Amino acid sequence: MKDWASAVALLLMTGFLGCGGTGEYRKTGGTYAPRGPACDYRVIRNRVVEPYEELGVIDIDAFSMKSLPDNEDRFRKVVGPTVCATGGHAVIPTLNIHGHWVHGTIIRFNPSECVGCGPKSATGGGG
């Protein structure tokens, strides 16, 4: 009976990882209030032009290469809760040579140093 429960737990874990992996977060900057569980944030895939502070980095772990996020929607599902919980305004992704999204740098804009910074800004990327 115990082996059966272990097998079911392993299958469930594998199923969840197959949906896009999990993230391991390392704090590298300041501490800010969370922005809510489903906050609005940007995914920036080009040069950042606004002043910002790096809050931390998230490395995406998965059971297999095929389980890693391969598009922005899957990437957002993995990193979104961490971006919002850390008070982040945006995340800068890193893709590997196979097109999988494997890393994200979570940033927070410094509105006192620029106009139009934040999740809805028209400059610095989409998302």
N, C-alpha and C. Protein backbone atom coordinates (compact mmCIF):
# COMPACT_ATOMS: atom_id res chain seq x y z
N MET A 1 0.83 -1.20 0.00
CA MET A 1 0.00 0.00 0.00
C MET A 1 0.87 1.26 0.00
N LYS A 2 1.95 1.23 0.76
CA LYS A 2 2.84 2.38 0.84
C LYS A 2 3.49 2.65 -0.53
N ASP A 3 3.88 1.60 -1.26
CA ASP A 3 4.49 1.77 -2.58
C ASP A 3 3.49 2.39 -3.55
N TRP A 4 2.24 2.02 -3.47
CA TRP A 4 1.19 2.57 -4.33
C TRP A 4 1.05 4.07 -4.08
N ALA A 5 1.04 4.49 -2.82
CA ALA A 5 0.92 5.91 -2.48
C ALA A 5 2.13 6.69 -2.99
N SER A 6 3.31 6.10 -2.89
CA SER A 6 4.51 6.75 -3.40
C SER A 6 4.45 6.92 -4.90
N ALA A 7 3.95 5.90 -5.59
CA ALA A 7 3.83 5.96 -7.05
C ALA A 7 2.86 7.04 -7.47
N VAL A 8 1.73 7.16 -6.77
CA VAL A 8 0.74 8.19 -7.08
C VAL A 8 1.34 9.58 -6.84
N ALA A 9 2.06 9.75 -5.72
CA ALA A 9 2.68 11.04 -5.43
C ALA A 9 3.70 11.40 -6.50
N LEU A 10 4.50 10.43 -6.96
CA LEU A 10 5.48 10.68 -8.01
C LEU A 10 4.79 11.07 -9.31
N LEU A 11 3.71 10.38 -9.67
CA LEU A 11 2.98 10.72 -10.89
C LEU A 11 2.39 12.13 -10.81
N LEU A 12 1.85 12.50 -9.65
CA LEU A 12 1.29 13.84 -9.50
C LEU A 12 2.38 14.90 -9.63
N MET A 13 3.53 14.66 -8.99
CA MET A 13 4.63 15.62 -9.09
C MET A 13 5.10 15.75 -10.53
N THR A 14 5.23 14.63 -11.22
CA THR A 14 5.66 14.65 -12.61
C THR A 14 4.66 15.40 -13.46
N GLY A 15 3.38 15.21 -13.20
CA GLY A 15 2.34 15.91 -13.94
C GLY A 15 2.42 17.41 -13.74
N PHE A 16 2.64 17.84 -12.51
CA PHE A 16 2.75 19.27 -12.24
C PHE A 16 3.99 19.86 -12.89
N LEU A 17 5.10 19.16 -12.83
CA LEU A 17 6.32 19.65 -13.45
C LEU A 17 6.17 19.70 -14.96
N GLY A 18 5.41 18.78 -15.53
CA GLY A 18 5.18 18.78 -16.96
C GLY A 18 4.44 20.01 -17.43
N CYS A 19 3.83 20.73 -16.52
CA CYS A 19 3.08 21.93 -16.88
C CYS A 19 3.95 23.16 -16.95
N GLY A 20 5.25 23.05 -16.75
CA GLY A 20 6.08 24.23 -16.93
C GLY A 20 7.17 24.40 -15.90
N GLY A 21 7.39 23.44 -15.03
CA GLY A 21 8.48 23.54 -14.09
C GLY A 21 8.14 24.36 -12.86
N THR A 22 9.14 24.52 -12.02
CA THR A 22 9.01 25.32 -10.81
C THR A 22 10.19 26.28 -10.77
N GLY A 23 10.09 27.29 -9.94
CA GLY A 23 11.16 28.26 -9.87
C GLY A 23 11.84 28.28 -8.52
N GLU A 24 13.15 28.48 -8.54
CA GLU A 24 13.93 28.65 -7.32
C GLU A 24 14.39 30.10 -7.28
N TYR A 25 13.95 30.85 -6.26
CA TYR A 25 14.19 32.29 -6.17
C TYR A 25 15.35 32.60 -5.24
N ARG A 26 16.20 33.54 -5.68
CA ARG A 26 17.29 34.06 -4.84
C ARG A 26 17.17 35.58 -4.80
N LYS A 27 17.05 36.12 -3.62
CA LYS A 27 16.94 37.57 -3.43
C LYS A 27 18.29 38.22 -3.65
N THR A 28 18.29 39.33 -4.42
CA THR A 28 19.53 40.05 -4.68
C THR A 28 19.40 41.54 -4.39
N GLY A 29 18.19 42.01 -4.07
CA GLY A 29 17.97 43.44 -3.86
C GLY A 29 17.12 43.71 -2.64
N GLY A 30 16.44 44.86 -2.67
CA GLY A 30 15.63 45.31 -1.55
C GLY A 30 14.39 44.48 -1.29
N THR A 31 13.72 44.82 -0.19
CA THR A 31 12.49 44.16 0.20
C THR A 31 11.34 45.13 0.05
N TYR A 32 10.27 44.70 -0.63
CA TYR A 32 9.11 45.54 -0.87
C TYR A 32 7.84 44.76 -0.56
N ALA A 33 6.77 45.50 -0.37
CA ALA A 33 5.47 44.87 -0.07
C ALA A 33 4.99 44.09 -1.29
N PRO A 34 4.35 42.94 -1.05
CA PRO A 34 3.78 42.18 -2.16
C PRO A 34 2.73 43.01 -2.90
N ARG A 35 2.55 42.71 -4.17
CA ARG A 35 1.62 43.46 -5.01
C ARG A 35 0.33 42.68 -5.29
N GLY A 36 0.04 41.66 -4.52
CA GLY A 36 -1.16 40.86 -4.74
C GLY A 36 -0.82 39.61 -5.52
N PRO A 37 -1.66 38.58 -5.42
CA PRO A 37 -1.33 37.28 -6.02
C PRO A 37 -1.34 37.26 -7.55
N ALA A 38 -2.03 38.18 -8.18
CA ALA A 38 -2.11 38.19 -9.66
C ALA A 38 -1.87 39.60 -10.18
N CYS A 39 -0.77 40.22 -9.76
CA CYS A 39 -0.47 41.60 -10.14
C CYS A 39 -0.15 41.71 -11.63
N ASP A 40 -0.23 42.92 -12.13
CA ASP A 40 0.13 43.21 -13.51
C ASP A 40 1.62 43.52 -13.55
N TYR A 41 2.37 42.83 -14.41
CA TYR A 41 3.80 43.07 -14.54
C TYR A 41 4.21 42.86 -16.00
N ARG A 42 5.37 43.38 -16.35
CA ARG A 42 5.87 43.27 -17.72
C ARG A 42 6.88 42.14 -17.84
N VAL A 43 6.91 41.53 -19.02
CA VAL A 43 7.98 40.63 -19.41
C VAL A 43 8.76 41.40 -20.46
N ILE A 44 10.01 41.73 -20.12
CA ILE A 44 10.81 42.61 -20.97
C ILE A 44 11.83 41.77 -21.74
N ARG A 45 11.70 41.79 -23.06
CA ARG A 45 12.60 40.99 -23.89
C ARG A 45 13.59 41.84 -24.68
N ASN A 46 13.66 43.11 -24.37
CA ASN A 46 14.64 43.97 -25.02
C ASN A 46 15.30 44.85 -23.97
N ARG A 47 16.05 45.83 -24.40
CA ARG A 47 16.80 46.67 -23.47
C ARG A 47 15.87 47.45 -22.55
N VAL A 48 16.22 47.50 -21.27
CA VAL A 48 15.46 48.27 -20.29
C VAL A 48 15.99 49.70 -20.30
N VAL A 49 15.08 50.66 -20.51
CA VAL A 49 15.52 52.06 -20.59
C VAL A 49 15.20 52.83 -19.31
N GLU A 50 14.29 52.35 -18.50
CA GLU A 50 13.94 53.03 -17.26
C GLU A 50 14.90 52.63 -16.14
N PRO A 51 15.11 53.54 -15.17
CA PRO A 51 15.92 53.17 -14.00
C PRO A 51 15.20 52.08 -13.20
N TYR A 52 15.96 51.09 -12.75
CA TYR A 52 15.35 49.99 -11.99
C TYR A 52 16.33 49.42 -10.99
N GLU A 53 15.76 48.64 -10.08
CA GLU A 53 16.53 47.90 -9.08
C GLU A 53 16.26 46.43 -9.30
N GLU A 54 17.30 45.63 -9.28
CA GLU A 54 17.12 44.18 -9.35
C GLU A 54 16.69 43.68 -7.97
N LEU A 55 15.60 42.92 -7.92
CA LEU A 55 15.12 42.37 -6.65
C LEU A 55 15.62 40.95 -6.42
N GLY A 56 15.72 40.19 -7.49
CA GLY A 56 16.15 38.81 -7.35
C GLY A 56 16.13 38.08 -8.67
N VAL A 57 16.55 36.83 -8.63
CA VAL A 57 16.56 36.00 -9.83
C VAL A 57 15.83 34.70 -9.54
N ILE A 58 15.18 34.20 -10.57
CA ILE A 58 14.47 32.94 -10.44
C ILE A 58 14.98 31.98 -11.51
N ASP A 59 15.47 30.84 -11.07
CA ASP A 59 15.93 29.79 -11.98
C ASP A 59 14.83 28.75 -12.07
N ILE A 60 14.48 28.38 -13.28
CA ILE A 60 13.37 27.45 -13.49
C ILE A 60 13.92 26.04 -13.57
N ASP A 61 13.39 25.17 -12.70
CA ASP A 61 13.77 23.77 -12.66
C ASP A 61 12.62 22.95 -13.23
N ALA A 62 12.93 21.90 -13.95
CA ALA A 62 11.90 21.03 -14.49
C ALA A 62 12.42 19.60 -14.54
N PHE A 63 11.49 18.69 -14.63
CA PHE A 63 11.82 17.27 -14.66
C PHE A 63 12.59 16.92 -15.94
N SER A 64 12.25 17.58 -17.04
CA SER A 64 12.93 17.34 -18.31
C SER A 64 12.98 18.63 -19.10
N MET A 65 13.82 18.67 -20.12
CA MET A 65 13.94 19.85 -20.97
C MET A 65 12.59 20.22 -21.58
N LYS A 66 11.80 19.21 -21.97
CA LYS A 66 10.49 19.48 -22.58
C LYS A 66 9.52 20.12 -21.59
N SER A 67 9.79 20.00 -20.29
CA SER A 67 8.91 20.56 -19.28
C SER A 67 9.16 22.04 -19.02
N LEU A 68 10.27 22.57 -19.50
CA LEU A 68 10.57 23.98 -19.30
C LEU A 68 9.62 24.84 -20.13
N PRO A 69 9.28 26.03 -19.66
CA PRO A 69 8.41 26.92 -20.44
C PRO A 69 9.03 27.20 -21.81
N ASP A 70 8.18 27.16 -22.85
CA ASP A 70 8.65 27.43 -24.19
C ASP A 70 7.92 28.60 -24.83
N ASN A 71 7.16 29.32 -24.00
CA ASN A 71 6.49 30.54 -24.48
C ASN A 71 6.22 31.45 -23.28
N GLU A 72 5.82 32.68 -23.58
CA GLU A 72 5.63 33.66 -22.51
C GLU A 72 4.52 33.28 -21.55
N ASP A 73 3.43 32.70 -22.03
CA ASP A 73 2.33 32.33 -21.14
C ASP A 73 2.77 31.30 -20.10
N ARG A 74 3.49 30.28 -20.53
CA ARG A 74 3.97 29.25 -19.59
C ARG A 74 5.00 29.85 -18.62
N PHE A 75 5.86 30.73 -19.13
CA PHE A 75 6.85 31.40 -18.28
C PHE A 75 6.14 32.21 -17.20
N ARG A 76 5.11 32.96 -17.59
CA ARG A 76 4.35 33.78 -16.63
C ARG A 76 3.73 32.91 -15.53
N LYS A 77 3.24 31.73 -15.87
CA LYS A 77 2.63 30.85 -14.87
C LYS A 77 3.64 30.42 -13.82
N VAL A 78 4.89 30.25 -14.23
CA VAL A 78 5.92 29.82 -13.29
C VAL A 78 6.43 30.98 -12.44
N VAL A 79 6.73 32.13 -13.07
CA VAL A 79 7.38 33.22 -12.35
C VAL A 79 6.42 34.26 -11.77
N GLY A 80 5.20 34.34 -12.28
CA GLY A 80 4.26 35.37 -11.86
C GLY A 80 4.04 35.48 -10.36
N PRO A 81 3.78 34.39 -9.68
CA PRO A 81 3.57 34.50 -8.23
C PRO A 81 4.78 35.09 -7.49
N THR A 82 5.98 34.77 -7.94
CA THR A 82 7.19 35.30 -7.29
C THR A 82 7.37 36.77 -7.61
N VAL A 83 7.12 37.16 -8.88
CA VAL A 83 7.23 38.57 -9.25
C VAL A 83 6.30 39.40 -8.37
N CYS A 84 5.06 38.97 -8.23
CA CYS A 84 4.08 39.72 -7.44
C CYS A 84 4.41 39.70 -5.95
N ALA A 85 4.82 38.56 -5.43
CA ALA A 85 5.12 38.44 -4.00
C ALA A 85 6.32 39.28 -3.58
N THR A 86 7.25 39.52 -4.49
CA THR A 86 8.44 40.30 -4.16
C THR A 86 8.26 41.79 -4.43
N GLY A 87 7.11 42.19 -4.95
CA GLY A 87 6.86 43.60 -5.25
C GLY A 87 7.46 44.03 -6.57
N GLY A 88 7.75 43.06 -7.45
CA GLY A 88 8.36 43.37 -8.73
C GLY A 88 7.40 44.04 -9.71
N HIS A 89 7.97 44.81 -10.61
CA HIS A 89 7.21 45.46 -11.68
C HIS A 89 7.39 44.75 -13.00
N ALA A 90 8.48 43.99 -13.14
CA ALA A 90 8.79 43.34 -14.41
C ALA A 90 9.75 42.19 -14.19
N VAL A 91 9.89 41.36 -15.23
CA VAL A 91 10.85 40.27 -15.21
C VAL A 91 11.54 40.24 -16.58
N ILE A 92 12.86 40.04 -16.55
CA ILE A 92 13.65 39.95 -17.76
C ILE A 92 14.02 38.47 -17.94
N PRO A 93 13.47 37.81 -18.97
CA PRO A 93 13.72 36.38 -19.14
C PRO A 93 15.04 36.09 -19.84
N THR A 94 15.54 34.89 -19.61
CA THR A 94 16.68 34.35 -20.35
C THR A 94 16.22 33.04 -20.97
N LEU A 95 16.46 32.90 -22.27
CA LEU A 95 16.12 31.69 -22.99
C LEU A 95 17.39 30.91 -23.29
N ASN A 96 17.28 29.57 -23.27
CA ASN A 96 18.44 28.76 -23.62
C ASN A 96 18.49 28.57 -25.14
N ILE A 97 19.47 27.84 -25.64
CA ILE A 97 19.64 27.69 -27.08
C ILE A 97 18.51 26.90 -27.74
N HIS A 98 17.69 26.23 -26.95
CA HIS A 98 16.58 25.46 -27.47
C HIS A 98 15.26 26.24 -27.43
N GLY A 99 15.32 27.50 -27.00
CA GLY A 99 14.12 28.32 -26.95
C GLY A 99 13.29 28.15 -25.69
N HIS A 100 13.85 27.51 -24.67
CA HIS A 100 13.15 27.35 -23.41
C HIS A 100 13.51 28.50 -22.47
N TRP A 101 12.52 28.95 -21.72
CA TRP A 101 12.68 30.07 -20.79
C TRP A 101 13.18 29.50 -19.47
N VAL A 102 14.45 29.73 -19.13
CA VAL A 102 15.09 29.04 -18.02
C VAL A 102 15.44 29.92 -16.82
N HIS A 103 15.30 31.23 -16.97
CA HIS A 103 15.77 32.14 -15.92
C HIS A 103 15.01 33.46 -16.04
N GLY A 104 14.81 34.13 -14.93
CA GLY A 104 14.19 35.45 -14.96
C GLY A 104 14.82 36.35 -13.91
N THR A 105 15.09 37.58 -14.29
CA THR A 105 15.58 38.59 -13.36
C THR A 105 14.41 39.50 -13.01
N ILE A 106 14.02 39.52 -11.75
CA ILE A 106 12.87 40.31 -11.30
C ILE A 106 13.37 41.71 -10.94
N ILE A 107 12.69 42.71 -11.51
CA ILE A 107 13.11 44.09 -11.27
C ILE A 107 11.95 44.94 -10.78
N ARG A 108 12.30 46.06 -10.20
CA ARG A 108 11.33 47.06 -9.73
C ARG A 108 11.80 48.41 -10.24
N PHE A 109 10.90 49.11 -10.93
CA PHE A 109 11.24 50.42 -11.46
C PHE A 109 11.32 51.44 -10.34
N ASN A 110 12.12 52.47 -10.54
CA ASN A 110 12.25 53.54 -9.56
C ASN A 110 11.52 54.76 -10.11
N PRO A 111 10.21 54.89 -9.81
CA PRO A 111 9.40 55.96 -10.38
C PRO A 111 9.90 57.36 -10.04
N SER A 112 10.62 57.52 -8.95
CA SER A 112 11.12 58.85 -8.60
C SER A 112 12.18 59.33 -9.59
N GLU A 113 12.76 58.40 -10.35
CA GLU A 113 13.81 58.75 -11.30
C GLU A 113 13.33 58.80 -12.75
N CYS A 114 12.07 58.45 -13.01
CA CYS A 114 11.59 58.49 -14.39
C CYS A 114 10.08 58.67 -14.44
N VAL A 115 9.61 59.10 -15.58
CA VAL A 115 8.18 59.29 -15.80
C VAL A 115 7.67 58.11 -16.62
N GLY A 116 6.53 57.58 -16.27
CA GLY A 116 5.92 56.50 -17.04
C GLY A 116 6.45 55.12 -16.72
N CYS A 117 7.17 54.96 -15.63
CA CYS A 117 7.67 53.64 -15.26
C CYS A 117 6.55 52.81 -14.66
N GLY A 118 6.71 51.53 -14.74
CA GLY A 118 5.74 50.63 -14.13
C GLY A 118 5.19 49.65 -15.13
N PRO A 119 4.26 48.81 -14.70
CA PRO A 119 3.76 47.72 -15.54
C PRO A 119 3.10 48.16 -16.84
N LYS A 120 2.51 49.33 -16.88
CA LYS A 120 1.76 49.76 -18.06
C LYS A 120 2.57 50.67 -18.98
N SER A 121 3.83 50.89 -18.68
CA SER A 121 4.65 51.79 -19.49
C SER A 121 4.76 51.29 -20.92
N ALA A 122 4.76 52.21 -21.87
CA ALA A 122 4.83 51.86 -23.29
C ALA A 122 6.26 51.62 -23.73
N THR A 123 7.26 52.02 -22.95
CA THR A 123 8.65 51.85 -23.35
C THR A 123 9.27 50.65 -22.65
N GLY A 124 10.30 50.12 -23.23
CA GLY A 124 11.08 49.08 -22.55
C GLY A 124 10.59 47.68 -22.73
N GLY A 125 9.50 47.44 -23.46
CA GLY A 125 9.09 46.07 -23.72
C GLY A 125 7.62 45.88 -23.54
N GLY A 126 7.18 44.72 -23.91
CA GLY A 126 5.77 44.40 -23.85
C GLY A 126 5.45 43.50 -22.70
N GLY A 127 4.18 43.26 -22.49
CA GLY A 127 3.82 42.30 -21.46
C GLY A 127 2.71 42.82 -20.71
